[in-house]
PDB file of N, CA and C in Angstrom:
ATOM      1  N   MET A   1     -16.907   2.245  -9.454  1.00  0.00           N
ATOM      2  CA  MET A   1     -16.062   1.284  -8.743  1.00  0.00           C
ATOM      3  C   MET A   1     -16.386  -0.113  -9.251  1.00  0.00           C
ATOM      4  N   THR A   2     -15.411  -0.936  -9.360  1.00  0.00           N
ATOM      5  CA  THR A   2     -15.592  -2.282  -9.881  1.00  0.00           C
ATOM      6  C   THR A   2     -16.212  -3.202  -8.828  1.00  0.00           C
ATOM      7  N   ASP A   3     -16.886  -4.256  -9.295  1.00  0.00           N
ATOM      8  CA  ASP A   3     -17.520  -5.205  -8.388  1.00  0.00           C
ATOM      9  C   ASP A   3     -16.591  -6.346  -7.982  1.00  0.00           C
ATOM     10  N   VAL A   4     -15.391  -6.374  -8.514  1.00  0.00           N
ATOM     11  CA  VAL A   4     -14.433  -7.422  -8.180  1.00  0.00           C
ATOM     12  C   VAL A   4     -13.939  -7.173  -6.756  1.00  0.00           C
ATOM     13  N   PRO A   5     -14.028  -8.182  -5.877  1.00  0.00           N
ATOM     14  CA  PRO A   5     -13.530  -7.994  -4.509  1.00  0.00           C
ATOM     15  C   PRO A   5     -12.055  -7.578  -4.506  1.00  0.00           C
ATOM     16  N   LEU A   6     -11.682  -6.786  -3.505  1.00  0.00           N
ATOM     17  CA  LEU A   6     -10.305  -6.300  -3.425  1.00  0.00           C
ATOM     18  C   LEU A   6      -9.298  -7.442  -3.462  1.00  0.00           C
ATOM     19  N   ALA A   7      -9.596  -8.525  -2.772  1.00  0.00           N
ATOM     20  CA  ALA A   7      -8.657  -9.651  -2.701  1.00  0.00           C
ATOM     21  C   ALA A   7      -8.427 -10.304  -4.060  1.00  0.00           C
ATOM     22  N   ASP A   8      -9.358 -10.121  -4.991  1.00  0.00           N
ATOM     23  CA  ASP A   8      -9.254 -10.760  -6.299  1.00  0.00           C
ATOM     24  C   ASP A   8      -8.748  -9.834  -7.404  1.00  0.00           C
ATOM     25  N   ARG A   9      -8.425  -8.621  -7.072  1.00  0.00           N
ATOM     26  CA  ARG A   9      -7.964  -7.673  -8.096  1.00  0.00           C
ATOM     27  C   ARG A   9      -6.570  -8.053  -8.584  1.00  0.00           C
ATOM     28  N   ASP A  10      -6.292  -7.738  -9.827  1.00  0.00           N
ATOM     29  CA  ASP A  10      -5.002  -8.035 -10.449  1.00  0.00           C
ATOM     30  C   ASP A  10      -3.996  -6.961 -10.049  1.00  0.00           C
ATOM     31  N   LEU A  11      -3.209  -7.238  -9.032  1.00  0.00           N
ATOM     32  CA  LEU A  11      -2.265  -6.246  -8.529  1.00  0.00           C
ATOM     33  C   LEU A  11      -1.185  -5.899  -9.548  1.00  0.00           C
ATOM     34  N   ALA A  12      -0.818  -6.850 -10.380  1.00  0.00           N
ATOM     35  CA  ALA A  12       0.203  -6.575 -11.400  1.00  0.00           C
ATOM     36  C   ALA A  12      -0.283  -5.501 -12.362  1.00  0.00           C
ATOM     37  N   ALA A  13      -1.581  -5.460 -12.617  1.00  0.00           N
ATOM     38  CA  ALA A  13      -2.145  -4.443 -13.508  1.00  0.00           C
ATOM     39  C   ALA A  13      -2.367  -3.115 -12.785  1.00  0.00           C
ATOM     40  N   LEU A  14      -2.615  -3.169 -11.486  1.00  0.00           N
ATOM     41  CA  LEU A  14      -2.908  -1.952 -10.724  1.00  0.00           C
ATOM     42  C   LEU A  14      -1.662  -1.164 -10.338  1.00  0.00           C
ATOM     43  N   VAL A  15      -0.622  -1.877  -9.942  1.00  0.00           N
ATOM     44  CA  VAL A  15       0.587  -1.244  -9.411  1.00  0.00           C
ATOM     45  C   VAL A  15       1.652  -1.229 -10.505  1.00  0.00           C
ATOM     46  N   PRO A  16       2.078  -0.032 -10.918  1.00  0.00           N
ATOM     47  CA  PRO A  16       3.010   0.028 -12.044  1.00  0.00           C
ATOM     48  C   PRO A  16       4.426  -0.464 -11.754  1.00  0.00           C
ATOM     49  N   GLU A  17       4.877  -0.339 -10.501  1.00  0.00           N
ATOM     50  CA  GLU A  17       6.257  -0.739 -10.205  1.00  0.00           C
ATOM     51  C   GLU A  17       6.334  -1.345  -8.809  1.00  0.00           C
ATOM     52  N   TRP A  18       7.050  -2.443  -8.721  1.00  0.00           N
ATOM     53  CA  TRP A  18       7.228  -3.166  -7.456  1.00  0.00           C
ATOM     54  C   TRP A  18       8.702  -3.194  -7.086  1.00  0.00           C
ATOM     55  N   LEU A  19       8.968  -3.264  -5.790  1.00  0.00           N
ATOM     56  CA  LEU A  19      10.344  -3.326  -5.294  1.00  0.00           C
ATOM     57  C   LEU A  19      10.546  -4.569  -4.434  1.00  0.00           C
ATOM     58  N   GLU A  20      11.703  -5.205  -4.603  1.00  0.00           N
ATOM     59  CA  GLU A  20      12.117  -6.292  -3.715  1.00  0.00           C
ATOM     60  C   GLU A  20      12.440  -5.673  -2.357  1.00  0.00           C
ATOM     61  N   TRP A  21      12.415  -6.488  -1.303  1.00  0.00           N
ATOM     62  CA  TRP A  21      12.734  -5.984   0.033  1.00  0.00           C
ATOM     63  C   TRP A  21      14.110  -5.331   0.071  1.00  0.00           C
ATOM     64  N   SER A  22      15.080  -5.906  -0.626  1.00  0.00           N
ATOM     65  CA  SER A  22      16.430  -5.338  -0.613  1.00  0.00           C
ATOM     66  C   SER A  22      16.449  -3.947  -1.259  1.00  0.00           C
ATOM     67  N   GLU A  23      15.645  -3.752  -2.282  1.00  0.00           N
ATOM     68  CA  GLU A  23      15.559  -2.437  -2.926  1.00  0.00           C
ATOM     69  C   GLU A  23      14.895  -1.416  -1.995  1.00  0.00           C
ATOM     70  N   VAL A  24      13.853  -1.842  -1.296  1.00  0.00           N
ATOM     71  CA  VAL A  24      13.188  -0.973  -0.325  1.00  0.00           C
ATOM     72  C   VAL A  24      14.184  -0.587   0.766  1.00  0.00           C
ATOM     73  N   ALA A  25      14.925  -1.574   1.255  1.00  0.00           N
ATOM     74  CA  ALA A  25      15.911  -1.324   2.299  1.00  0.00           C
ATOM     75  C   ALA A  25      16.941  -0.292   1.838  1.00  0.00           C
ATOM     76  N   ALA A  26      17.427  -0.436   0.622  1.00  0.00           N
ATOM     77  CA  ALA A  26      18.422   0.506   0.100  1.00  0.00           C
ATOM     78  C   ALA A  26      17.846   1.919  -0.007  1.00  0.00           C
ATOM     79  N   LEU A  27      16.616   2.031  -0.479  1.00  0.00           N
ATOM     80  CA  LEU A  27      15.983   3.351  -0.614  1.00  0.00           C
ATOM     81  C   LEU A  27      15.753   4.021   0.733  1.00  0.00           C
ATOM     82  N   LEU A  28      15.417   3.209   1.743  1.00  0.00           N
ATOM     83  CA  LEU A  28      15.126   3.756   3.070  1.00  0.00           C
ATOM     84  C   LEU A  28      16.365   3.853   3.962  1.00  0.00           C
ATOM     85  N   GLY A  29      17.470   3.243   3.526  1.00  0.00           N
ATOM     86  CA  GLY A  29      18.687   3.264   4.335  1.00  0.00           C
ATOM     87  C   GLY A  29      18.588   2.364   5.564  1.00  0.00           C
ATOM     88  N   VAL A  30      17.891   1.237   5.409  1.00  0.00           N
ATOM     89  CA  VAL A  30      17.736   0.274   6.501  1.00  0.00           C
ATOM     90  C   VAL A  30      18.111  -1.109   5.983  1.00  0.00           C
ATOM     91  N   THR A  31      18.056  -2.098   6.851  1.00  0.00           N
ATOM     92  CA  THR A  31      18.352  -3.477   6.449  1.00  0.00           C
ATOM     93  C   THR A  31      17.081  -4.158   5.935  1.00  0.00           C
ATOM     94  N   PRO A  32      17.230  -5.209   5.141  1.00  0.00           N
ATOM     95  CA  PRO A  32      16.049  -5.976   4.743  1.00  0.00           C
ATOM     96  C   PRO A  32      15.276  -6.523   5.943  1.00  0.00           C
ATOM     97  N   SER A  33      15.980  -6.821   7.024  1.00  0.00           N
ATOM     98  CA  SER A  33      15.315  -7.288   8.240  1.00  0.00           C
ATOM     99  C   SER A  33      14.392  -6.202   8.798  1.00  0.00           C
ATOM    100  N   LYS A  34      14.832  -4.959   8.733  1.00  0.00           N
ATOM    101  CA  LYS A  34      14.001  -3.841   9.189  1.00  0.00           C
ATOM    102  C   LYS A  34      12.776  -3.692   8.292  1.00  0.00           C
ATOM    103  N   VAL A  35      12.940  -3.919   7.002  1.00  0.00           N
ATOM    104  CA  VAL A  35      11.801  -3.865   6.073  1.00  0.00           C
ATOM    105  C   VAL A  35      10.773  -4.921   6.478  1.00  0.00           C
ATOM    106  N   ARG A  36      11.236  -6.114   6.799  1.00  0.00           N
ATOM    107  CA  ARG A  36      10.336  -7.179   7.257  1.00  0.00           C
ATOM    108  C   ARG A  36       9.564  -6.736   8.495  1.00  0.00           C
ATOM    109  N   THR A  37      10.258  -6.100   9.440  1.00  0.00           N
ATOM    110  CA  THR A  37       9.616  -5.588  10.653  1.00  0.00           C
ATOM    111  C   THR A  37       8.599  -4.505  10.299  1.00  0.00           C
ATOM    112  N   MET A  38       8.945  -3.634   9.370  1.00  0.00           N
ATOM    113  CA  MET A  38       8.031  -2.564   8.961  1.00  0.00           C
ATOM    114  C   MET A  38       6.768  -3.139   8.334  1.00  0.00           C
ATOM    115  N   ILE A  39       6.908  -4.219   7.596  1.00  0.00           N
ATOM    116  CA  ILE A  39       5.747  -4.876   6.995  1.00  0.00           C
ATOM    117  C   ILE A  39       4.893  -5.512   8.092  1.00  0.00           C
ATOM    118  N   ARG A  40       5.533  -6.195   9.004  1.00  0.00           N
ATOM    119  CA  ARG A  40       4.814  -6.855  10.100  1.00  0.00           C
ATOM    120  C   ARG A  40       4.058  -5.845  10.959  1.00  0.00           C
ATOM    121  N   GLU A  41       4.635  -4.666  11.148  1.00  0.00           N
ATOM    122  CA  GLU A  41       4.021  -3.633  11.984  1.00  0.00           C
ATOM    123  C   GLU A  41       3.125  -2.690  11.183  1.00  0.00           C
ATOM    124  N   HIS A  42       2.863  -3.023   9.942  1.00  0.00           N
ATOM    125  CA  HIS A  42       1.969  -2.281   9.043  1.00  0.00           C
ATOM    126  C   HIS A  42       2.462  -0.868   8.724  1.00  0.00           C
ATOM    127  N   GLU A  43       3.771  -0.679   8.741  1.00  0.00           N
ATOM    128  CA  GLU A  43       4.338   0.576   8.257  1.00  0.00           C
ATOM    129  C   GLU A  43       4.425   0.537   6.734  1.00  0.00           C
ATOM    130  N   LEU A  44       4.523  -0.675   6.188  1.00  0.00           N
ATOM    131  CA  LEU A  44       4.528  -0.946   4.757  1.00  0.00           C
ATOM    132  C   LEU A  44       3.625  -2.145   4.513  1.00  0.00           C
ATOM    133  N   ALA A  45       3.247  -2.351   3.261  1.00  0.00           N
ATOM    134  CA  ALA A  45       2.468  -3.532   2.890  1.00  0.00           C
ATOM    135  C   ALA A  45       3.187  -4.229   1.740  1.00  0.00           C
ATOM    136  N   GLN A  46       3.000  -5.525   1.663  1.00  0.00           N
ATOM    137  CA  GLN A  46       3.622  -6.330   0.614  1.00  0.00           C
ATOM    138  C   GLN A  46       2.585  -7.257   0.011  1.00  0.00           C
ATOM    139  N   ALA A  47       2.867  -7.721  -1.181  1.00  0.00           N
ATOM    140  CA  ALA A  47       2.012  -8.722  -1.819  1.00  0.00           C
ATOM    141  C   ALA A  47       2.817  -9.428  -2.901  1.00  0.00           C
ATOM    142  N   VAL A  48       2.329 -10.582  -3.280  1.00  0.00           N
ATOM    143  CA  VAL A  48       2.869 -11.297  -4.430  1.00  0.00           C
ATOM    144  C   VAL A  48       2.049 -10.796  -5.618  1.00  0.00           C
ATOM    145  N   SER A  49       2.695 -10.063  -6.491  1.00  0.00           N
ATOM    146  CA  SER A  49       1.977  -9.396  -7.579  1.00  0.00           C
ATOM    147  C   SER A  49       1.625 -10.316  -8.738  1.00  0.00           C
ATOM    148  N   ALA A  50       2.382 -11.374  -8.896  1.00  0.00           N
ATOM    149  CA  ALA A  50       2.150 -12.300 -10.007  1.00  0.00           C
ATOM    150  C   ALA A  50       2.595 -13.692  -9.577  1.00  0.00           C
ATOM    151  N   PRO A  51       1.989 -14.729 -10.140  1.00  0.00           N
ATOM    152  CA  PRO A  51       2.400 -16.087  -9.792  1.00  0.00           C
ATOM    153  C   PRO A  51       3.899 -16.284 -10.031  1.00  0.00           C
ATOM    154  N   GLY A  52       4.548 -16.877  -9.051  1.00  0.00           N
ATOM    155  CA  GLY A  52       5.977 -17.136  -9.159  1.00  0.00           C
ATOM    156  C   GLY A  52       6.858 -16.005  -8.660  1.00  0.00           C
ATOM    157  N   ALA A  53       6.275 -14.831  -8.467  1.00  0.00           N
ATOM    158  CA  ALA A  53       7.054 -13.705  -7.936  1.00  0.00           C
ATOM    159  C   ALA A  53       7.065 -13.789  -6.419  1.00  0.00           C
ATOM    160  N   GLY A  54       8.103 -13.279  -5.825  1.00  0.00           N
ATOM    161  CA  GLY A  54       8.160 -13.220  -4.375  1.00  0.00           C
ATOM    162  C   GLY A  54       7.387 -12.013  -3.867  1.00  0.00           C
ATOM    163  N   PRO A  55       7.282 -11.901  -2.546  1.00  0.00           N
ATOM    164  CA  PRO A  55       6.585 -10.738  -1.991  1.00  0.00           C
ATOM    165  C   PRO A  55       7.361  -9.456  -2.289  1.00  0.00           C
ATOM    166  N   ARG A  56       6.615  -8.428  -2.691  1.00  0.00           N
ATOM    167  CA  ARG A  56       7.214  -7.144  -3.043  1.00  0.00           C
ATOM    168  C   ARG A  56       6.379  -6.007  -2.482  1.00  0.00           C
ATOM    169  N   VAL A  57       6.971  -4.837  -2.499  1.00  0.00           N
ATOM    170  CA  VAL A  57       6.340  -3.622  -1.985  1.00  0.00           C
ATOM    171  C   VAL A  57       6.121  -2.671  -3.162  1.00  0.00           C
ATOM    172  N   PRO A  58       4.953  -2.048  -3.275  1.00  0.00           N
ATOM    173  CA  PRO A  58       4.759  -1.065  -4.348  1.00  0.00           C
ATOM    174  C   PRO A  58       5.774   0.084  -4.227  1.00  0.00           C
ATOM    175  N   ALA A  59       6.399   0.438  -5.326  1.00  0.00           N
ATOM    176  CA  ALA A  59       7.405   1.505  -5.328  1.00  0.00           C
ATOM    177  C   ALA A  59       6.799   2.840  -4.906  1.00  0.00           C
ATOM    178  N   ASP A  60       5.522   3.047  -5.175  1.00  0.00           N
ATOM    179  CA  ASP A  60       4.870   4.306  -4.800  1.00  0.00           C
ATOM    180  C   ASP A  60       4.763   4.500  -3.300  1.00  0.00           C
ATOM    181  N   PHE A  61       5.071   3.491  -2.506  1.00  0.00           N
ATOM    182  CA  PHE A  61       5.040   3.628  -1.048  1.00  0.00           C
ATOM    183  C   PHE A  61       6.272   4.373  -0.521  1.00  0.00           C
ATOM    184  N   ILE A  62       7.293   4.543  -1.379  1.00  0.00           N
ATOM    185  CA  ILE A  62       8.526   5.213  -0.983  1.00  0.00           C
ATOM    186  C   ILE A  62       8.630   6.523  -1.763  1.00  0.00           C
ATOM    187  N   GLN A  63       8.948   7.603  -1.046  1.00  0.00           N
ATOM    188  CA  GLN A  63       9.084   8.911  -1.688  1.00  0.00           C
ATOM    189  C   GLN A  63      10.214   9.677  -1.002  1.00  0.00           C
ATOM    190  N   ASP A  64      11.176  10.108  -1.781  1.00  0.00           N
ATOM    191  CA  ASP A  64      12.303  10.886  -1.260  1.00  0.00           C
ATOM    192  C   ASP A  64      13.019  10.185  -0.103  1.00  0.00           C
ATOM    193  N   GLY A  65      13.196   8.877  -0.213  1.00  0.00           N
ATOM    194  CA  GLY A  65      13.935   8.122   0.790  1.00  0.00           C
ATOM    195  C   GLY A  65      13.172   7.833   2.072  1.00  0.00           C
ATOM    196  N   LEU A  66      11.867   8.063   2.060  1.00  0.00           N
ATOM    197  CA  LEU A  66      11.027   7.820   3.237  1.00  0.00           C
ATOM    198  C   LEU A  66       9.752   7.097   2.826  1.00  0.00           C
ATOM    199  N   VAL A  67       9.105   6.468   3.811  1.00  0.00           N
ATOM    200  CA  VAL A  67       7.767   5.918   3.570  1.00  0.00           C
ATOM    201  C   VAL A  67       6.847   7.116   3.394  1.00  0.00           C
ATOM    202  N   VAL A  68       5.952   7.047   2.425  1.00  0.00           N
ATOM    203  CA  VAL A  68       5.023   8.146   2.148  1.00  0.00           C
ATOM    204  C   VAL A  68       4.302   8.554   3.432  1.00  0.00           C
ATOM    205  N   LYS A  69       4.251   9.845   3.669  1.00  0.00           N
ATOM    206  CA  LYS A  69       3.617  10.390   4.866  1.00  0.00           C
ATOM    207  C   LYS A  69       2.158   9.934   4.944  1.00  0.00           C
ATOM    208  N   GLY A  70       1.778   9.423   6.103  1.00  0.00           N
ATOM    209  CA  GLY A  70       0.401   8.996   6.330  1.00  0.00           C
ATOM    210  C   GLY A  70       0.105   7.555   5.959  1.00  0.00           C
ATOM    211  N   LEU A  71       1.017   6.912   5.223  1.00  0.00           N
ATOM    212  CA  LEU A  71       0.758   5.541   4.783  1.00  0.00           C
ATOM    213  C   LEU A  71       0.647   4.581   5.961  1.00  0.00           C
ATOM    214  N   SER A  72       1.557   4.681   6.905  1.00  0.00           N
ATOM    215  CA  SER A  72       1.561   3.737   8.035  1.00  0.00           C
ATOM    216  C   SER A  72       0.251   3.788   8.811  1.00  0.00           C
ATOM    217  N   GLY A  73      -0.207   4.977   9.149  1.00  0.00           N
ATOM    218  CA  GLY A  73      -1.466   5.112   9.879  1.00  0.00           C
ATOM    219  C   GLY A  73      -2.638   4.584   9.088  1.00  0.00           C
ATOM    220  N   LEU A  74      -2.628   4.833   7.784  1.00  0.00           N
ATOM    221  CA  LEU A  74      -3.700   4.339   6.925  1.00  0.00           C
ATOM    222  C   LEU A  74      -3.691   2.816   6.858  1.00  0.00           C
ATOM    223  N   LEU A  75      -2.509   2.218   6.749  1.00  0.00           N
ATOM    224  CA  LEU A  75      -2.423   0.754   6.711  1.00  0.00           C
ATOM    225  C   LEU A  75      -2.941   0.142   8.005  1.00  0.00           C
ATOM    226  N   VAL A  76      -2.609   0.746   9.141  1.00  0.00           N
ATOM    227  CA  VAL A  76      -3.118   0.244  10.417  1.00  0.00           C
ATOM    228  C   VAL A  76      -4.645   0.329  10.436  1.00  0.00           C
ATOM    229  N   MET A  77      -5.190   1.449   9.968  1.00  0.00           N
ATOM    230  CA  MET A  77      -6.642   1.624   9.924  1.00  0.00           C
ATOM    231  C   MET A  77      -7.300   0.570   9.026  1.00  0.00           C
ATOM    232  N   LEU A  78      -6.726   0.328   7.866  1.00  0.00           N
ATOM    233  CA  LEU A  78      -7.282  -0.676   6.956  1.00  0.00           C
ATOM    234  C   LEU A  78      -7.195  -2.072   7.573  1.00  0.00           C
ATOM    235  N   HIS A  79      -6.089  -2.378   8.245  1.00  0.00           N
ATOM    236  CA  HIS A  79      -5.974  -3.673   8.913  1.00  0.00           C
ATOM    237  C   HIS A  79      -7.008  -3.786  10.041  1.00  0.00           C
ATOM    238  N   ASP A  80      -7.303  -2.684  10.708  1.00  0.00           N
ATOM    239  CA  ASP A  80      -8.352  -2.693  11.737  1.00  0.00           C
ATOM    240  C   ASP A  80      -9.716  -3.015  11.130  1.00  0.00           C
ATOM    241  N   HIS A  81      -9.888  -2.700   9.843  1.00  0.00           N
ATOM    242  CA  HIS A  81     -11.115  -3.036   9.110  1.00  0.00           C
ATOM    243  C   HIS A  81     -11.042  -4.452   8.535  1.00  0.00           C
ATOM    244  N   LYS A  82     -10.036  -5.218   8.983  1.00  0.00           N
ATOM    245  CA  LYS A  82      -9.842  -6.624   8.588  1.00  0.00           C
ATOM    246  C   LYS A  82      -9.324  -6.802   7.169  1.00  0.00           C
ATOM    247  N   PHE A  83      -8.707  -5.785   6.601  1.00  0.00           N
ATOM    248  CA  PHE A  83      -8.058  -5.930   5.301  1.00  0.00           C
ATOM    249  C   PHE A  83      -6.724  -6.634   5.512  1.00  0.00           C
ATOM    250  N   ASP A  84      -6.304  -7.448   4.547  1.00  0.00           N
ATOM    251  CA  ASP A  84      -4.944  -7.966   4.576  1.00  0.00           C
ATOM    252  C   ASP A  84      -4.089  -7.054   3.678  1.00  0.00           C
ATOM    253  N   ASP A  85      -2.794  -7.322   3.600  1.00  0.00           N
ATOM    254  CA  ASP A  85      -1.911  -6.447   2.827  1.00  0.00           C
ATOM    255  C   ASP A  85      -2.351  -6.343   1.368  1.00  0.00           C
ATOM    256  N   ARG A  86      -2.730  -7.457   0.786  1.00  0.00           N
ATOM    257  CA  ARG A  86      -3.146  -7.460  -0.621  1.00  0.00           C
ATOM    258  C   ARG A  86      -4.354  -6.548  -0.830  1.00  0.00           C
ATOM    259  N   GLU A  87      -5.326  -6.630   0.068  1.00  0.00           N
ATOM    260  CA  GLU A  87      -6.520  -5.795  -0.038  1.00  0.00           C
ATOM    261  C   GLU A  87      -6.194  -4.319   0.203  1.00  0.00           C
ATOM    262  N   CYS A  88      -5.270  -4.052   1.122  1.00  0.00           N
ATOM    263  CA  CYS A  88      -4.831  -2.673   1.365  1.00  0.00           C
ATOM    264  C   CYS A  88      -4.232  -2.079   0.091  1.00  0.00           C
ATOM    265  N   ILE A  89      -3.355  -2.833  -0.542  1.00  0.00           N
ATOM    266  CA  ILE A  89      -2.714  -2.355  -1.764  1.00  0.00           C
ATOM    267  C   ILE A  89      -3.756  -2.135  -2.852  1.00  0.00           C
ATOM    268  N   ALA A  90      -4.656  -3.088  -3.019  1.00  0.00           N
ATOM    269  CA  ALA A  90      -5.701  -2.933  -4.039  1.00  0.00           C
ATOM    270  C   ALA A  90      -6.536  -1.685  -3.772  1.00  0.00           C
ATOM    271  N   TRP A  91      -6.914  -1.445  -2.523  1.00  0.00           N
ATOM    272  CA  TRP A  91      -7.727  -0.265  -2.194  1.00  0.00           C
ATOM    273  C   TRP A  91      -6.953   1.013  -2.494  1.00  0.00           C
ATOM    274  N   LEU A  92      -5.684   1.039  -2.120  1.00  0.00           N
ATOM    275  CA  LEU A  92      -4.873   2.235  -2.341  1.00  0.00           C
ATOM    276  C   LEU A  92      -4.691   2.564  -3.822  1.00  0.00           C
ATOM    277  N   PHE A  93      -4.728   1.548  -4.666  1.00  0.00           N
ATOM    278  CA  PHE A  93      -4.477   1.761  -6.083  1.00  0.00           C
ATOM    279  C   PHE A  93      -5.742   1.737  -6.941  1.00  0.00           C
ATOM    280  N   THR A  94      -6.938   1.531  -6.344  1.00  0.00           N
ATOM    281  CA  THR A  94      -8.148   1.472  -7.181  1.00  0.00           C
ATOM    282  C   THR A  94      -9.319   2.302  -6.698  1.00  0.00           C
ATOM    283  N   ASP A  95      -9.344   2.725  -5.482  1.00  0.00           N
ATOM    284  CA  ASP A  95     -10.516   3.450  -4.980  1.00  0.00           C
ATOM    285  C   ASP A  95     -10.764   4.679  -5.845  1.00  0.00           C
ATOM    286  N   ASP A  96     -11.979   4.759  -6.396  1.00  0.00           N
ATOM    287  CA  ASP A  96     -12.266   5.868  -7.303  1.00  0.00           C
ATOM    288  C   ASP A  96     -13.185   6.919  -6.683  1.00  0.00           C
ATOM    289  N   ASN A  97     -13.288   6.946  -5.368  1.00  0.00           N
ATOM    290  CA  ASN A  97     -14.107   7.948  -4.704  1.00  0.00           C
ATOM    291  C   ASN A  97     -13.357   9.261  -4.505  1.00  0.00           C
ATOM    292  N   LEU A  98     -12.134   9.313  -4.888  1.00  0.00           N
ATOM    293  CA  LEU A  98     -11.318  10.525  -4.776  1.00  0.00           C
ATOM    294  C   LEU A  98     -10.951  10.981  -6.179  1.00  0.00           C
ATOM    295  N   PRO A  99     -10.532  12.207  -6.314  1.00  0.00           N
ATOM    296  CA  PRO A  99      -9.930  12.573  -7.602  1.00  0.00           C
ATOM    297  C   PRO A  99      -8.545  11.928  -7.683  1.00  0.00           C
ATOM    298  N   GLY A 100      -8.465  10.775  -8.292  1.00  0.00           N
ATOM    299  CA  GLY A 100      -7.218  10.017  -8.353  1.00  0.00           C
ATOM    300  C   GLY A 100      -7.208   8.897  -7.331  1.00  0.00           C
ATOM    301  N   ARG A 101      -6.147   8.127  -7.371  1.00  0.00           N
ATOM    302  CA  ARG A 101      -6.014   7.001  -6.451  1.00  0.00           C
ATOM    303  C   ARG A 101      -5.625   7.493  -5.064  1.00  0.00           C
ATOM    304  N   PRO A 102      -6.006   6.774  -4.016  1.00  0.00           N
ATOM    305  CA  PRO A 102      -5.599   7.167  -2.663  1.00  0.00           C
ATOM    306  C   PRO A 102      -4.082   7.292  -2.499  1.00  0.00           C
ATOM    307  N   ILE A 103      -3.311   6.416  -3.133  1.00  0.00           N
ATOM    308  CA  ILE A 103      -1.851   6.510  -3.002  1.00  0.00           C
ATOM    309  C   ILE A 103      -1.351   7.828  -3.588  1.00  0.00           C
ATOM    310  N   ASP A 104      -1.975   8.297  -4.651  1.00  0.00           N
ATOM    311  CA  ASP A 104      -1.563   9.572  -5.241  1.00  0.00           C
ATOM    312  C   ASP A 104      -1.876  10.723  -4.290  1.00  0.00           C
ATOM    313  N   ALA A 105      -3.045  10.667  -3.651  1.00  0.00           N
ATOM    314  CA  ALA A 105      -3.410  11.707  -2.684  1.00  0.00           C
ATOM    315  C   ALA A 105      -2.417  11.735  -1.525  1.00  0.00           C
ATOM    316  N   LEU A 106      -2.020  10.569  -1.028  1.00  0.00           N
ATOM    317  CA  LEU A 106      -1.029  10.522   0.048  1.00  0.00           C
ATOM    318  C   LEU A 106       0.295  11.127  -0.406  1.00  0.00           C
ATOM    319  N   ARG A 107       0.723  10.782  -1.597  1.00  0.00           N
ATOM    320  CA  ARG A 107       2.004  11.275  -2.110  1.00  0.00           C
ATOM    321  C   ARG A 107       1.973  12.786  -2.328  1.00  0.00           C
ATOM    322  N   GLU A 108       0.779  13.343  -2.539  1.00  0.00           N
ATOM    323  CA  GLU A 108       0.624  14.790  -2.745  1.00  0.00           C
ATOM    324  C   GLU A 108       0.241  15.499  -1.448  1.00  0.00           C
ATOM    325  N   ASN A 109       0.412  14.834  -0.317  1.00  0.00           N
ATOM    326  CA  ASN A 109       0.115  15.384   1.006  1.00  0.00           C
ATOM    327  C   ASN A 109      -1.363  15.772   1.149  1.00  0.00           C
ATOM    328  N   ARG A 110      -2.242  14.960   0.552  1.00  0.00           N
ATOM    329  CA  ARG A 110      -3.682  15.151   0.682  1.00  0.00           C
ATOM    330  C   ARG A 110      -4.288  13.938   1.394  1.00  0.00           C
ATOM    331  N   GLY A 111      -3.679  13.558   2.505  1.00  0.00           N
ATOM    332  CA  GLY A 111      -4.059  12.334   3.191  1.00  0.00           C
ATOM    333  C   GLY A 111      -5.328  12.416   4.014  1.00  0.00           C
ATOM    334  N   SER A 112      -5.780  13.605   4.376  1.00  0.00           N
ATOM    335  CA  SER A 112      -6.965  13.729   5.240  1.00  0.00           C
ATOM    336  C   SER A 112      -8.201  13.100   4.610  1.00  0.00           C
ATOM    337  N   GLU A 113      -8.424  13.373   3.346  1.00  0.00           N
ATOM    338  CA  GLU A 113      -9.600  12.814   2.674  1.00  0.00           C
ATOM    339  C   GLU A 113      -9.485  11.296   2.543  1.00  0.00           C
ATOM    340  N   VAL A 114      -8.287  10.810   2.279  1.00  0.00           N
ATOM    341  CA  VAL A 114      -8.064   9.368   2.170  1.00  0.00           C
ATOM    342  C   VAL A 114      -8.406   8.704   3.500  1.00  0.00           C
ATOM    343  N   LYS A 115      -7.961   9.281   4.597  1.00  0.00           N
ATOM    344  CA  LYS A 115      -8.229   8.709   5.920  1.00  0.00           C
ATOM    345  C   LYS A 115      -9.717   8.759   6.246  1.00  0.00           C
ATOM    346  N   ARG A 116     -10.401   9.832   5.866  1.00  0.00           N
ATOM    347  CA  ARG A 116     -11.853   9.900   6.087  1.00  0.00           C
ATOM    348  C   ARG A 116     -12.559   8.781   5.331  1.00  0.00           C
ATOM    349  N   ARG A 117     -12.141   8.537   4.106  1.00  0.00           N
ATOM    350  CA  ARG A 117     -12.758   7.462   3.297  1.00  0.00           C
ATOM    351  C   ARG A 117     -12.494   6.106   3.938  1.00  0.00           C
ATOM    352  N   ALA A 118     -11.289   5.904   4.431  1.00  0.00           N
ATOM    353  CA  ALA A 118     -10.935   4.620   5.040  1.00  0.00           C
ATOM    354  C   ALA A 118     -11.695   4.401   6.351  1.00  0.00           C
ATOM    355  N   GLN A 119     -11.973   5.456   7.100  1.00  0.00           N
ATOM    356  CA  GLN A 119     -12.660   5.325   8.371  1.00  0.00           C
ATOM    357  C   GLN A 119     -14.084   4.777   8.215  1.00  0.00           C
ATOM    358  N   VAL A 120     -14.699   5.020   7.079  1.00  0.00           N
ATOM    359  CA  VAL A 120     -16.095   4.597   6.906  1.00  0.00           C
ATOM    360  C   VAL A 120     -16.212   3.284   6.122  1.00  0.00           C
ATOM    361  N   LEU A 121     -15.091   2.665   5.810  1.00  0.00           N
ATOM    362  CA  LEU A 121     -15.127   1.396   5.077  1.00  0.00           C
ATOM    363  C   LEU A 121     -15.764   0.304   5.907  1.00  0.00           C
ATOM    364  N   GLU A 122     -16.498  -0.543   5.244  1.00  0.00           N
ATOM    365  CA  GLU A 122     -16.985  -1.766   5.865  1.00  0.00           C
ATOM    366  C   GLU A 122     -16.557  -2.909   4.976  1.00  0.00           C
ATOM    367  N   TYR A 123     -16.112  -3.946   5.568  1.00  0.00           N
ATOM    368  CA  TYR A 123     -15.652  -5.095   4.778  1.00  0.00           C
ATOM    369  C   TYR A 123     -16.305  -6.346   5.278  1.00  0.00           C
TER     370      TYR A 123
END
């Protein structure tokens, strides 16, 4: 695991594809206003991936027209550990204590181990 704090990780390098709120809304069949609410309620997370870019959502958070199963609960848990959205995204895309990234485990319906790892985090 790298020694760079989660808040300082290069999200543009970690996350292969980002979506604008309007794109997320179209994929989920909701309004951009609903996407904003989902972000506020930690159903989704957003970050500015690069200087000058607006806030975006990692494309891997959406699968088959839905938010990836287990993501919302995991985001709430990470926020309870005082992570902000940027740190949540960095953790989901870099944690190397699993075989693969936590986001990949969630997308493959292997969320139990990801949640166990998140429960013992200290920040």
